[in-house]
């Protein structure tokens, strides 16, 4: 993301600066001063640190993406199970309703055959 782009930009600027220093100093004279050598060393160490930090941030991001995908997979699996249970519940309710209607109908027939119209 933004942090990675910033780190790459800083790294690239550092490399360009180091290259410019080296070419300027060697163009004017055949040696690099102690200060220039120190500065170039600092820039290169910073470059290495930035590369490590970039690797770490990239790994972190990839881990977050993997965890997010795994969580999404679990959510989808749960949604599927909920839908399946809803369907099973609806089917069960339909069966109960049909059974209830049949029993009610049988009950009405029995009541009609009761002598003296006694409520069964």
PDB file of N, CA and C in Angstrom:
ATOM      1  N   UNK A   1       0.815  -1.194   0.000  1.00  0.00           N
ATOM      2  CA  UNK A   1       0.000   0.000   0.000  1.00  0.00           C
ATOM      3  C   UNK A   1       0.852   1.249   0.000  1.00  0.00           C
ATOM      4  N   UNK A   2       0.378   2.265   0.675  1.00  0.00           N
ATOM      5  CA  UNK A   2       1.047   3.565   0.722  1.00  0.00           C
ATOM      6  C   UNK A   2       2.412   3.452   1.399  1.00  0.00           C
ATOM      7  N   UNK A   3       2.471   2.701   2.513  1.00  0.00           N
ATOM      8  CA  UNK A   3       3.732   2.544   3.251  1.00  0.00           C
ATOM      9  C   UNK A   3       4.794   1.917   2.350  1.00  0.00           C
ATOM     10  N   UNK A   4       4.400   0.896   1.584  1.00  0.00           N
ATOM     11  CA  UNK A   4       5.336   0.228   0.677  1.00  0.00           C
ATOM     12  C   UNK A   4       5.836   1.195  -0.393  1.00  0.00           C
ATOM     13  N   UNK A   5       4.921   1.980  -0.982  1.00  0.00           N
ATOM     14  CA  UNK A   5       5.311   2.941  -2.027  1.00  0.00           C
ATOM     15  C   UNK A   5       6.270   3.981  -1.471  1.00  0.00           C
ATOM     16  N   UNK A   6       5.962   4.499  -0.264  1.00  0.00           N
ATOM     17  CA  UNK A   6       6.839   5.493   0.372  1.00  0.00           C
ATOM     18  C   UNK A   6       8.237   4.911   0.605  1.00  0.00           C
ATOM     19  N   UNK A   7       8.274   3.668   1.106  1.00  0.00           N
ATOM     20  CA  UNK A   7       9.562   3.036   1.390  1.00  0.00           C
ATOM     21  C   UNK A   7      10.359   2.829   0.102  1.00  0.00           C
ATOM     22  N   UNK A   8       9.687   2.389  -0.953  1.00  0.00           N
ATOM     23  CA  UNK A   8      10.364   2.197  -2.249  1.00  0.00           C
ATOM     24  C   UNK A   8      10.887   3.538  -2.776  1.00  0.00           C
ATOM     25  N   UNK A   9      10.074   4.585  -2.649  1.00  0.00           N
ATOM     26  CA  UNK A   9      10.474   5.914  -3.136  1.00  0.00           C
ATOM     27  C   UNK A   9      11.712   6.396  -2.379  1.00  0.00           C
ATOM     28  N   UNK A  10      11.677   6.279  -1.033  1.00  0.00           N
ATOM     29  CA  UNK A  10      12.815   6.710  -0.210  1.00  0.00           C
ATOM     30  C   UNK A  10      14.060   5.912  -0.581  1.00  0.00           C
ATOM     31  N   UNK A  11      13.889   4.603  -0.751  1.00  0.00           N
ATOM     32  CA  UNK A  11      15.012   3.736  -1.112  1.00  0.00           C
ATOM     33  C   UNK A  11      15.606   4.161  -2.456  1.00  0.00           C
ATOM     34  N   UNK A  12      14.740   4.344  -3.443  1.00  0.00           N
ATOM     35  CA  UNK A  12      15.220   4.739  -4.777  1.00  0.00           C
ATOM     36  C   UNK A  12      15.904   6.099  -4.754  1.00  0.00           C
ATOM     37  N   UNK A  13      15.339   7.049  -4.008  1.00  0.00           N
ATOM     38  CA  UNK A  13      15.961   8.365  -3.884  1.00  0.00           C
ATOM     39  C   UNK A  13      17.339   8.248  -3.234  1.00  0.00           C
ATOM     40  N   UNK A  14      17.450   7.380  -2.220  1.00  0.00           N
ATOM     41  CA  UNK A  14      18.733   7.169  -1.537  1.00  0.00           C
ATOM     42  C   UNK A  14      19.773   6.602  -2.490  1.00  0.00           C
ATOM     43  N   UNK A  15      19.366   5.638  -3.301  1.00  0.00           N
ATOM     44  CA  UNK A  15      20.292   5.014  -4.257  1.00  0.00           C
ATOM     45  C   UNK A  15      20.759   6.055  -5.279  1.00  0.00           C
ATOM     46  N   UNK A  16      19.820   6.814  -5.811  1.00  0.00           N
ATOM     47  CA  UNK A  16      20.162   7.854  -6.791  1.00  0.00           C
ATOM     48  C   UNK A  16      21.142   8.857  -6.166  1.00  0.00           C
ATOM     49  N   UNK A  17      20.867   9.244  -4.925  1.00  0.00           N
ATOM     50  CA  UNK A  17      21.727  10.212  -4.229  1.00  0.00           C
ATOM     51  C   UNK A  17      23.139   9.651  -4.055  1.00  0.00           C
ATOM     52  N   UNK A  18      23.226   8.378  -3.649  1.00  0.00           N
ATOM     53  CA  UNK A  18      24.530   7.733  -3.462  1.00  0.00           C
ATOM     54  C   UNK A  18      25.284   7.660  -4.787  1.00  0.00           C
ATOM     55  N   UNK A  19      24.567   7.281  -5.858  1.00  0.00           N
ATOM     56  CA  UNK A  19      25.207   7.196  -7.177  1.00  0.00           C
ATOM     57  C   UNK A  19      25.706   8.567  -7.629  1.00  0.00           C
ATOM     58  N   UNK A  20      24.896   9.602  -7.385  1.00  0.00           N
ATOM     59  CA  UNK A  20      25.275  10.969  -7.751  1.00  0.00           C
ATOM     60  C   UNK A  20      26.531  11.388  -6.995  1.00  0.00           C
ATOM     61  N   UNK A  21      26.555  11.101  -5.686  1.00  0.00           N
ATOM     62  CA  UNK A  21      27.725  11.443  -4.870  1.00  0.00           C
ATOM     63  C   UNK A  21      28.980  10.773  -5.406  1.00  0.00           C
ATOM     64  N   UNK A  22      28.884   9.481  -5.687  1.00  0.00           N
ATOM     65  CA  UNK A  22      30.042   8.717  -6.166  1.00  0.00           C
ATOM     66  C   UNK A  22      30.520   9.282  -7.492  1.00  0.00           C
ATOM     67  N   UNK A  23      29.596   9.504  -8.438  1.00  0.00           N
ATOM     68  CA  UNK A  23      30.007   9.986  -9.762  1.00  0.00           C
ATOM     69  C   UNK A  23      30.582  11.398  -9.693  1.00  0.00           C
ATOM     70  N   UNK A  24      30.009  12.260  -8.834  1.00  0.00           N
ATOM     71  CA  UNK A  24      30.529  13.625  -8.684  1.00  0.00           C
ATOM     72  C   UNK A  24      31.937  13.602  -8.098  1.00  0.00           C
ATOM     73  N   UNK A  25      32.107  12.799  -7.038  1.00  0.00           N
ATOM     74  CA  UNK A  25      33.405  12.799  -6.365  1.00  0.00           C
ATOM     75  C   UNK A  25      34.485  12.159  -7.231  1.00  0.00           C
ATOM     76  N   UNK A  26      34.146  11.109  -7.970  1.00  0.00           N
ATOM     77  CA  UNK A  26      35.173  10.436  -8.792  1.00  0.00           C
ATOM     78  C   UNK A  26      35.427  11.192 -10.089  1.00  0.00           C
ATOM     79  N   UNK A  27      34.472  12.029 -10.513  1.00  0.00           N
ATOM     80  CA  UNK A  27      34.693  12.829 -11.719  1.00  0.00           C
ATOM     81  C   UNK A  27      35.712  13.931 -11.420  1.00  0.00           C
ATOM     82  N   UNK A  28      35.600  14.527 -10.223  1.00  0.00           N
ATOM     83  CA  UNK A  28      36.483  15.630  -9.866  1.00  0.00           C
ATOM     84  C   UNK A  28      37.847  15.124  -9.379  1.00  0.00           C
ATOM     85  N   UNK A  29      37.858  13.954  -8.712  1.00  0.00           N
ATOM     86  CA  UNK A  29      39.112  13.422  -8.162  1.00  0.00           C
ATOM     87  C   UNK A  29      39.009  11.894  -8.133  1.00  0.00           C
ATOM     88  N   UNK A  30      40.107  11.230  -8.122  1.00  0.00           N
ATOM     89  CA  UNK A  30      40.079   9.761  -8.212  1.00  0.00           C
ATOM     90  C   UNK A  30      39.796   9.051  -6.890  1.00  0.00           C
ATOM     91  N   UNK A  31      39.320   9.735  -5.869  1.00  0.00           N
ATOM     92  CA  UNK A  31      39.073   9.089  -4.578  1.00  0.00           C
ATOM     93  C   UNK A  31      37.780   9.619  -3.958  1.00  0.00           C
ATOM     94  N   UNK A  32      37.290   8.894  -2.978  1.00  0.00           N
ATOM     95  CA  UNK A  32      36.087   9.301  -2.238  1.00  0.00           C
ATOM     96  C   UNK A  32      36.554   9.734  -0.848  1.00  0.00           C
ATOM     97  N   UNK A  33      36.046  10.852  -0.377  1.00  0.00           N
ATOM     98  CA  UNK A  33      36.450  11.334   0.957  1.00  0.00           C
ATOM     99  C   UNK A  33      35.836  10.443   2.041  1.00  0.00           C
ATOM    100  N   UNK A  34      36.389  10.569   3.253  1.00  0.00           N
ATOM    101  CA  UNK A  34      35.889   9.798   4.397  1.00  0.00           C
ATOM    102  C   UNK A  34      34.421  10.134   4.646  1.00  0.00           C
ATOM    103  N   UNK A  35      34.052  11.417   4.576  1.00  0.00           N
ATOM    104  CA  UNK A  35      32.663  11.827   4.786  1.00  0.00           C
ATOM    105  C   UNK A  35      31.739  11.203   3.741  1.00  0.00           C
ATOM    106  N   UNK A  36      32.169  11.215   2.478  1.00  0.00           N
ATOM    107  CA  UNK A  36      31.358  10.631   1.398  1.00  0.00           C
ATOM    108  C   UNK A  36      31.210   9.122   1.600  1.00  0.00           C
ATOM    109  N   UNK A  37      32.298   8.479   1.970  1.00  0.00           N
ATOM    110  CA  UNK A  37      32.260   7.032   2.208  1.00  0.00           C
ATOM    111  C   UNK A  37      31.293   6.730   3.365  1.00  0.00           C
ATOM    112  N   UNK A  38      31.372   7.550   4.427  1.00  0.00           N
ATOM    113  CA  UNK A  38      30.485   7.391   5.581  1.00  0.00           C
ATOM    114  C   UNK A  38      29.019   7.580   5.159  1.00  0.00           C
ATOM    115  N   UNK A  39      28.764   8.625   4.355  1.00  0.00           N
ATOM    116  CA  UNK A  39      27.411   8.919   3.892  1.00  0.00           C
ATOM    117  C   UNK A  39      26.877   7.787   3.004  1.00  0.00           C
ATOM    118  N   UNK A  40      27.723   7.300   2.103  1.00  0.00           N
ATOM    119  CA  UNK A  40      27.314   6.201   1.216  1.00  0.00           C
ATOM    120  C   UNK A  40      27.021   4.947   2.052  1.00  0.00           C
ATOM    121  N   UNK A  41      27.846   4.675   3.055  1.00  0.00           N
ATOM    122  CA  UNK A  41      27.622   3.530   3.946  1.00  0.00           C
ATOM    123  C   UNK A  41      26.288   3.654   4.678  1.00  0.00           C
ATOM    124  N   UNK A  42      26.018   4.870   5.161  1.00  0.00           N
ATOM    125  CA  UNK A  42      24.748   5.119   5.869  1.00  0.00           C
ATOM    126  C   UNK A  42      23.570   4.890   4.929  1.00  0.00           C
ATOM    127  N   UNK A  43      23.677   5.413   3.710  1.00  0.00           N
ATOM    128  CA  UNK A  43      22.593   5.253   2.731  1.00  0.00           C
ATOM    129  C   UNK A  43      22.374   3.769   2.424  1.00  0.00           C
ATOM    130  N   UNK A  44      23.453   3.029   2.234  1.00  0.00           N
ATOM    131  CA  UNK A  44      23.316   1.599   1.917  1.00  0.00           C
ATOM    132  C   UNK A  44      22.734   0.820   3.104  1.00  0.00           C
ATOM    133  N   UNK A  45      23.154   1.165   4.338  1.00  0.00           N
ATOM    134  CA  UNK A  45      22.563   0.505   5.522  1.00  0.00           C
ATOM    135  C   UNK A  45      21.064   0.806   5.600  1.00  0.00           C
ATOM    136  N   UNK A  46      20.716   2.066   5.365  1.00  0.00           N
ATOM    137  CA  UNK A  46      19.293   2.443   5.367  1.00  0.00           C
ATOM    138  C   UNK A  46      18.536   1.682   4.288  1.00  0.00           C
ATOM    139  N   UNK A  47      19.179   1.515   3.140  1.00  0.00           N
ATOM    140  CA  UNK A  47      18.555   0.761   2.044  1.00  0.00           C
ATOM    141  C   UNK A  47      18.253  -0.669   2.501  1.00  0.00           C
ATOM    142  N   UNK A  48      19.227  -1.309   3.147  1.00  0.00           N
ATOM    143  CA  UNK A  48      19.043  -2.684   3.627  1.00  0.00           C
ATOM    144  C   UNK A  48      17.921  -2.736   4.661  1.00  0.00           C
ATOM    145  N   UNK A  49      17.918  -1.765   5.603  1.00  0.00           N
ATOM    146  CA  UNK A  49      16.866  -1.716   6.622  1.00  0.00           C
ATOM    147  C   UNK A  49      15.496  -1.516   5.981  1.00  0.00           C
ATOM    148  N   UNK A  50      15.430  -0.637   4.988  1.00  0.00           N
ATOM    149  CA  UNK A  50      14.151  -0.395   4.302  1.00  0.00           C
ATOM    150  C   UNK A  50      13.680  -1.636   3.560  1.00  0.00           C
ATOM    151  N   UNK A  51      14.586  -2.342   2.927  1.00  0.00           N
ATOM    152  CA  UNK A  51      14.223  -3.575   2.216  1.00  0.00           C
ATOM    153  C   UNK A  51      13.673  -4.610   3.203  1.00  0.00           C
ATOM    154  N   UNK A  52      14.331  -4.744   4.373  1.00  0.00           N
ATOM    155  CA  UNK A  52      13.849  -5.687   5.398  1.00  0.00           C
ATOM    156  C   UNK A  52      12.460  -5.288   5.886  1.00  0.00           C
ATOM    157  N   UNK A  53      12.290  -3.976   6.145  1.00  0.00           N
ATOM    158  CA  UNK A  53      10.997  -3.474   6.620  1.00  0.00           C
ATOM    159  C   UNK A  53       9.924  -3.722   5.558  1.00  0.00           C
ATOM    160  N   UNK A  54      10.286  -3.510   4.308  1.00  0.00           N
ATOM    161  CA  UNK A  54       9.346  -3.739   3.204  1.00  0.00           C
ATOM    162  C   UNK A  54       8.948  -5.212   3.143  1.00  0.00           C
ATOM    163  N   UNK A  55       9.910  -6.098   3.320  1.00  0.00           N
ATOM    164  CA  UNK A  55       9.621  -7.545   3.344  1.00  0.00           C
ATOM    165  C   UNK A  55       8.661  -7.874   4.482  1.00  0.00           C
ATOM    166  N   UNK A  56       8.958  -7.307   5.671  1.00  0.00           N
ATOM    167  CA  UNK A  56       8.128  -7.565   6.845  1.00  0.00           C
ATOM    168  C   UNK A  56       6.697  -7.071   6.630  1.00  0.00           C
ATOM    169  N   UNK A  57       6.577  -5.842   6.102  1.00  0.00           N
ATOM    170  CA  UNK A  57       5.255  -5.259   5.861  1.00  0.00           C
ATOM    171  C   UNK A  57       4.499  -6.079   4.813  1.00  0.00           C
ATOM    172  N   UNK A  58       5.210  -6.519   3.783  1.00  0.00           N
ATOM    173  CA  UNK A  58       4.588  -7.326   2.726  1.00  0.00           C
ATOM    174  C   UNK A  58       4.099  -8.661   3.296  1.00  0.00           C
ATOM    175  N   UNK A  59       4.928  -9.305   4.134  1.00  0.00           N
ATOM    176  CA  UNK A  59       4.516 -10.569   4.770  1.00  0.00           C
ATOM    177  C   UNK A  59       3.296 -10.358   5.658  1.00  0.00           C
ATOM    178  N   UNK A  60       3.322  -9.248   6.420  1.00  0.00           N
ATOM    179  CA  UNK A  60       2.186  -8.913   7.288  1.00  0.00           C
ATOM    180  C   UNK A  60       0.913  -8.766   6.461  1.00  0.00           C
ATOM    181  N   UNK A  61       1.028  -8.011   5.356  1.00  0.00           N
ATOM    182  CA  UNK A  61      -0.129  -7.782   4.493  1.00  0.00           C
ATOM    183  C   UNK A  61      -0.642  -9.111   3.933  1.00  0.00           C
ATOM    184  N   UNK A  62       0.275  -9.947   3.459  1.00  0.00           N
ATOM    185  CA  UNK A  62      -0.112 -11.245   2.892  1.00  0.00           C
ATOM    186  C   UNK A  62      -0.795 -12.117   3.947  1.00  0.00           C
ATOM    187  N   UNK A  63      -0.282 -12.066   5.184  1.00  0.00           N
ATOM    188  CA  UNK A  63      -0.891 -12.830   6.289  1.00  0.00           C
ATOM    189  C   UNK A  63      -2.313 -12.341   6.542  1.00  0.00           C
ATOM    190  N   UNK A  64      -2.481 -11.014   6.579  1.00  0.00           N
ATOM    191  CA  UNK A  64      -3.811 -10.431   6.799  1.00  0.00           C
ATOM    192  C   UNK A  64      -4.760 -10.863   5.683  1.00  0.00           C
ATOM    193  N   UNK A  65      -4.274 -10.838   4.446  1.00  0.00           N
ATOM    194  CA  UNK A  65      -5.114 -11.243   3.296  1.00  0.00           C
ATOM    195  C   UNK A  65      -5.514 -12.716   3.443  1.00  0.00           C
ATOM    196  N   UNK A  66      -4.539 -13.572   3.804  1.00  0.00           N
ATOM    197  CA  UNK A  66      -4.853 -15.007   3.981  1.00  0.00           C
ATOM    198  C   UNK A  66      -5.874 -15.214   5.098  1.00  0.00           C
ATOM    199  N   UNK A  67      -5.674 -14.511   6.234  1.00  0.00           N
ATOM    200  CA  UNK A  67      -6.612 -14.648   7.356  1.00  0.00           C
ATOM    201  C   UNK A  67      -7.999 -14.159   6.967  1.00  0.00           C
ATOM    202  N   UNK A  68      -8.036 -13.066   6.203  1.00  0.00           N
ATOM    203  CA  UNK A  68      -9.320 -12.513   5.760  1.00  0.00           C
ATOM    204  C   UNK A  68     -10.038 -13.507   4.841  1.00  0.00           C
ATOM    205  N   UNK A  69      -9.281 -14.119   3.921  1.00  0.00           N
ATOM    206  CA  UNK A  69      -9.873 -15.109   3.014  1.00  0.00           C
ATOM    207  C   UNK A  69     -10.370 -16.331   3.785  1.00  0.00           C
ATOM    208  N   UNK A  70      -9.592 -16.757   4.786  1.00  0.00           N
ATOM    209  CA  UNK A  70      -9.997 -17.917   5.600  1.00  0.00           C
ATOM    210  C   UNK A  70     -11.280 -17.590   6.364  1.00  0.00           C
ATOM    211  N   UNK A  71     -11.333 -16.398   6.935  1.00  0.00           N
ATOM    212  CA  UNK A  71     -12.529 -15.973   7.677  1.00  0.00           C
ATOM    213  C   UNK A  71     -13.729 -15.899   6.748  1.00  0.00           C
ATOM    214  N   UNK A  72     -13.516 -15.368   5.549  1.00  0.00           N
ATOM    215  CA  UNK A  72     -14.591 -15.266   4.564  1.00  0.00           C
ATOM    216  C   UNK A  72     -15.096 -16.660   4.188  1.00  0.00           C
ATOM    217  N   UNK A  73     -14.169 -17.602   4.026  1.00  0.00           N
ATOM    218  CA  UNK A  73     -14.540 -18.988   3.730  1.00  0.00           C
ATOM    219  C   UNK A  73     -15.401 -19.585   4.833  1.00  0.00           C
ATOM    220  N   UNK A  74     -15.016 -19.306   6.097  1.00  0.00           N
ATOM    221  CA  UNK A  74     -15.795 -19.816   7.232  1.00  0.00           C
ATOM    222  C   UNK A  74     -17.189 -19.191   7.256  1.00  0.00           C
ATOM    223  N   UNK A  75     -17.257 -17.887   6.989  1.00  0.00           N
ATOM    224  CA  UNK A  75     -18.551 -17.200   6.962  1.00  0.00           C
ATOM    225  C   UNK A  75     -19.438 -17.807   5.875  1.00  0.00           C
ATOM    226  N   UNK A  76     -18.865 -18.034   4.698  1.00  0.00           N
ATOM    227  CA  UNK A  76     -19.646 -18.619   3.598  1.00  0.00           C
ATOM    228  C   UNK A  76     -20.125 -20.021   3.951  1.00  0.00           C
ATOM    229  N   UNK A  77     -19.262 -20.794   4.617  1.00  0.00           N
ATOM    230  CA  UNK A  77     -19.640 -22.140   5.037  1.00  0.00           C
ATOM    231  C   UNK A  77     -20.794 -22.079   6.048  1.00  0.00           C
ATOM    232  N   UNK A  78     -20.699 -21.136   6.995  1.00  0.00           N
ATOM    233  CA  UNK A  78     -21.773 -20.969   7.987  1.00  0.00           C
ATOM    234  C   UNK A  78     -23.071 -20.537   7.316  1.00  0.00           C
ATOM    235  N   UNK A  79     -22.972 -19.611   6.355  1.00  0.00           N
ATOM    236  CA  UNK A  79     -24.171 -19.159   5.632  1.00  0.00           C
ATOM    237  C   UNK A  79     -24.827 -20.335   4.914  1.00  0.00           C
ATOM    238  N   UNK A  80     -23.988 -21.203   4.322  1.00  0.00           N
ATOM    239  CA  UNK A  80     -24.503 -22.383   3.620  1.00  0.00           C
ATOM    240  C   UNK A  80     -25.234 -23.307   4.596  1.00  0.00           C
ATOM    241  N   UNK A  81     -24.617 -23.517   5.784  1.00  0.00           N
ATOM    242  CA  UNK A  81     -25.237 -24.389   6.791  1.00  0.00           C
ATOM    243  C   UNK A  81     -26.540 -23.797   7.310  1.00  0.00           C
ATOM    244  N   UNK A  82     -26.563 -22.479   7.526  1.00  0.00           N
ATOM    245  CA  UNK A  82     -27.796 -21.822   7.995  1.00  0.00           C
ATOM    246  C   UNK A  82     -28.896 -21.991   6.959  1.00  0.00           C
ATOM    247  N   UNK A  83     -28.563 -21.782   5.697  1.00  0.00           N
ATOM    248  CA  UNK A  83     -29.544 -21.926   4.608  1.00  0.00           C
ATOM    249  C   UNK A  83     -30.061 -23.365   4.555  1.00  0.00           C
ATOM    250  N   UNK A  84     -29.141 -24.322   4.692  1.00  0.00           N
ATOM    251  CA  UNK A  84     -29.529 -25.738   4.681  1.00  0.00           C
ATOM    252  C   UNK A  84     -30.474 -26.043   5.849  1.00  0.00           C
ATOM    253  N   UNK A  85     -30.157 -25.512   7.041  1.00  0.00           N
ATOM    254  CA  UNK A  85     -31.010 -25.736   8.207  1.00  0.00           C
ATOM    255  C   UNK A  85     -32.374 -25.074   8.029  1.00  0.00           C
ATOM    256  N   UNK A  86     -32.391 -23.890   7.415  1.00  0.00           N
ATOM    257  CA  UNK A  86     -33.663 -23.214   7.144  1.00  0.00           C
ATOM    258  C   UNK A  86     -34.527 -24.075   6.215  1.00  0.00           C
ATOM    259  N   UNK A  87     -33.889 -24.618   5.177  1.00  0.00           N
ATOM    260  CA  UNK A  87     -34.612 -25.475   4.228  1.00  0.00           C
ATOM    261  C   UNK A  87     -35.152 -26.724   4.920  1.00  0.00           C
ATOM    262  N   UNK A  88     -34.316 -27.328   5.768  1.00  0.00           N
ATOM    263  CA  UNK A  88     -34.751 -28.534   6.497  1.00  0.00           C
ATOM    264  C   UNK A  88     -35.905 -28.194   7.444  1.00  0.00           C
ATOM    265  N   UNK A  89     -35.820 -27.041   8.099  1.00  0.00           N
ATOM    266  CA  UNK A  89     -36.876 -26.599   9.019  1.00  0.00           C
ATOM    267  C   UNK A  89     -38.177 -26.361   8.258  1.00  0.00           C
ATOM    268  N   UNK A  90     -38.081 -25.706   7.107  1.00  0.00           N
ATOM    269  CA  UNK A  90     -39.280 -25.453   6.292  1.00  0.00           C
ATOM    270  C   UNK A  90     -39.912 -26.771   5.845  1.00  0.00           C
ATOM    271  N   UNK A  91     -39.058 -27.706   5.430  1.00  0.00           N
ATOM    272  CA  UNK A  91     -39.545 -29.014   4.989  1.00  0.00           C
ATOM    273  C   UNK A  91     -40.239 -29.735   6.155  1.00  0.00           C
ATOM    274  N   UNK A  92     -39.614 -29.664   7.329  1.00  0.00           N
ATOM    275  CA  UNK A  92     -40.181 -30.292   8.526  1.00  0.00           C
ATOM    276  C   UNK A  92     -41.530 -29.639   8.877  1.00  0.00           C
ATOM    277  N   UNK A  93     -41.581 -28.303   8.802  1.00  0.00           N
ATOM    278  CA  UNK A  93     -42.834 -27.585   9.090  1.00  0.00           C
ATOM    279  C   UNK A  93     -43.932 -27.979   8.102  1.00  0.00           C
ATOM    280  N   UNK A  94     -43.561 -28.110   6.839  1.00  0.00           N
ATOM    281  CA  UNK A  94     -44.535 -28.529   5.817  1.00  0.00           C
ATOM    282  C   UNK A  94     -45.065 -29.923   6.138  1.00  0.00           C
ATOM    283  N   UNK A  95     -44.158 -30.826   6.501  1.00  0.00           N
ATOM    284  CA  UNK A  95     -44.563 -32.192   6.868  1.00  0.00           C
ATOM    285  C   UNK A  95     -45.496 -32.183   8.080  1.00  0.00           C
ATOM    286  N   UNK A  96     -45.144 -31.387   9.092  1.00  0.00           N
ATOM    287  CA  UNK A  96     -45.987 -31.286  10.286  1.00  0.00           C
ATOM    288  C   UNK A  96     -47.365 -30.718   9.934  1.00  0.00           C
ATOM    289  N   UNK A  97     -47.369 -29.725   9.072  1.00  0.00           N
ATOM    290  CA  UNK A  97     -48.634 -29.108   8.654  1.00  0.00           C
ATOM    291  C   UNK A  97     -49.521 -30.140   7.937  1.00  0.00           C
ATOM    292  N   UNK A  98     -48.901 -30.925   7.023  1.00  0.00           N
ATOM    293  CA  UNK A  98     -49.646 -31.966   6.302  1.00  0.00           C
ATOM    294  C   UNK A  98     -50.154 -33.032   7.271  1.00  0.00           C
ATOM    295  N   UNK A  99     -49.299 -33.419   8.209  1.00  0.00           N
ATOM    296  CA  UNK A  99     -49.685 -34.428   9.208  1.00  0.00           C
ATOM    297  C   UNK A  99     -50.838 -33.900  10.067  1.00  0.00           C
ATOM    298  N   UNK A 100     -50.739 -32.639  10.453  1.00  0.00           N
ATOM    299  CA  UNK A 100     -51.774 -32.004  11.255  1.00  0.00           C
ATOM    300  C   UNK A 100     -53.105 -31.984  10.493  1.00  0.00           C
ATOM    301  N   UNK A 101     -53.059 -31.616   9.216  1.00  0.00           N
ATOM    302  CA  UNK A 101     -54.273 -31.568   8.387  1.00  0.00           C
ATOM    303  C   UNK A 101     -54.903 -32.958   8.280  1.00  0.00           C
ATOM    304  N   UNK A 102     -54.087 -33.975   8.071  1.00  0.00           N
ATOM    305  CA  UNK A 102     -54.571 -35.346   7.948  1.00  0.00           C
ATOM    306  C   UNK A 102     -55.222 -35.805   9.257  1.00  0.00           C
ATOM    307  N   UNK A 103     -54.534 -35.541  10.381  1.00  0.00           N
ATOM    308  CA  UNK A 103     -55.076 -35.931  11.690  1.00  0.00           C
ATOM    309  C   UNK A 103     -56.378 -35.195  11.991  1.00  0.00           C
ATOM    310  N   UNK A 104     -56.430 -33.927  11.612  1.00  0.00           N
ATOM    311  CA  UNK A 104     -57.629 -33.119  11.826  1.00  0.00           C
ATOM    312  C   UNK A 104     -58.799 -33.716  11.020  1.00  0.00           C
ATOM    313  N   UNK A 105     -58.490 -34.062   9.790  1.00  0.00           N
ATOM    314  CA  UNK A 105     -59.510 -34.632   8.908  1.00  0.00           C
ATOM    315  C   UNK A 105     -60.015 -35.975   9.462  1.00  0.00           C
ATOM    316  N   UNK A 106     -59.079 -36.815   9.895  1.00  0.00           N
ATOM    317  CA  UNK A 106     -59.461 -38.108  10.486  1.00  0.00           C
ATOM    318  C   UNK A 106     -60.300 -37.890  11.752  1.00  0.00           C
ATOM    319  N   UNK A 107     -59.932 -36.925  12.529  1.00  0.00           N
ATOM    320  CA  UNK A 107     -60.629 -36.598  13.766  1.00  0.00           C
ATOM    321  C   UNK A 107     -62.072 -36.170  13.472  1.00  0.00           C
ATOM    322  N   UNK A 108     -62.249 -35.336  12.448  1.00  0.00           N
ATOM    323  CA  UNK A 108     -63.592 -34.880  12.066  1.00  0.00           C
ATOM    324  C   UNK A 108     -64.469 -36.067  11.651  1.00  0.00           C
ATOM    325  N   UNK A 109     -63.876 -37.027  10.902  1.00  0.00           N
ATOM    326  CA  UNK A 109     -64.628 -38.222  10.474  1.00  0.00           C
ATOM    327  C   UNK A 109     -65.067 -39.033  11.692  1.00  0.00           C
ATOM    328  N   UNK A 110     -64.168 -39.198  12.651  1.00  0.00           N
ATOM    329  CA  UNK A 110     -64.488 -39.964  13.870  1.00  0.00           C
ATOM    330  C   UNK A 110     -65.593 -39.270  14.656  1.00  0.00           C
ATOM    331  N   UNK A 111     -65.523 -37.942  14.729  1.00  0.00           N
ATOM    332  CA  UNK A 111     -66.528 -37.197  15.486  1.00  0.00           C
ATOM    333  C   UNK A 111     -67.915 -37.357  14.858  1.00  0.00           C
ATOM    334  N   UNK A 112     -67.974 -37.416  13.534  1.00  0.00           N
ATOM    335  CA  UNK A 112     -69.264 -37.570  12.844  1.00  0.00           C
ATOM    336  C   UNK A 112     -69.899 -38.927  13.151  1.00  0.00           C
ATOM    337  N   UNK A 113     -69.015 -39.925  13.362  1.00  0.00           N
ATOM    338  CA  UNK A 113     -69.566 -41.270  13.627  1.00  0.00           C
ATOM    339  C   UNK A 113     -69.855 -41.507  15.109  1.00  0.00           C
ATOM    340  N   UNK A 114     -69.540 -40.507  15.948  1.00  0.00           N
ATOM    341  CA  UNK A 114     -69.853 -40.634  17.397  1.00  0.00           C
ATOM    342  C   UNK A 114     -71.355 -40.570  17.607  1.00  0.00           C
ATOM    343  N   UNK A 115     -71.890 -41.496  18.429  1.00  0.00           N
ATOM    344  CA  UNK A 115     -73.335 -41.462  18.714  1.00  0.00           C
ATOM    345  C   UNK A 115     -73.684 -40.268  19.619  1.00  0.00           C
ATOM    346  N   UNK A 116     -74.754 -39.624  19.318  1.00  0.00           N
ATOM    347  CA  UNK A 116     -75.256 -38.522  20.117  1.00  0.00           C
ATOM    348  C   UNK A 116     -74.426 -37.257  20.006  1.00  0.00           C
ATOM    349  N   UNK A 117     -73.648 -37.182  18.984  1.00  0.00           N
ATOM    350  CA  UNK A 117     -72.824 -36.004  18.735  1.00  0.00           C
ATOM    351  C   UNK A 117     -71.969 -35.605  19.937  1.00  0.00           C
ATOM    352  N   UNK A 118     -71.406 -36.616  20.618  1.00  0.00           N
ATOM    353  CA  UNK A 118     -70.514 -36.324  21.739  1.00  0.00           C
ATOM    354  C   UNK A 118     -69.197 -35.828  21.158  1.00  0.00           C
ATOM    355  N   UNK A 119     -68.689 -34.768  21.798  1.00  0.00           N
ATOM    356  CA  UNK A 119     -67.379 -34.255  21.319  1.00  0.00           C
ATOM    357  C   UNK A 119     -66.287 -35.212  21.755  1.00  0.00           C
ATOM    358  N   UNK A 120     -65.584 -35.734  20.784  1.00  0.00           N
ATOM    359  CA  UNK A 120     -64.506 -36.688  21.107  1.00  0.00           C
ATOM    360  C   UNK A 120     -63.248 -35.966  21.496  1.00  0.00           C
TER     361      UNK A 120
END
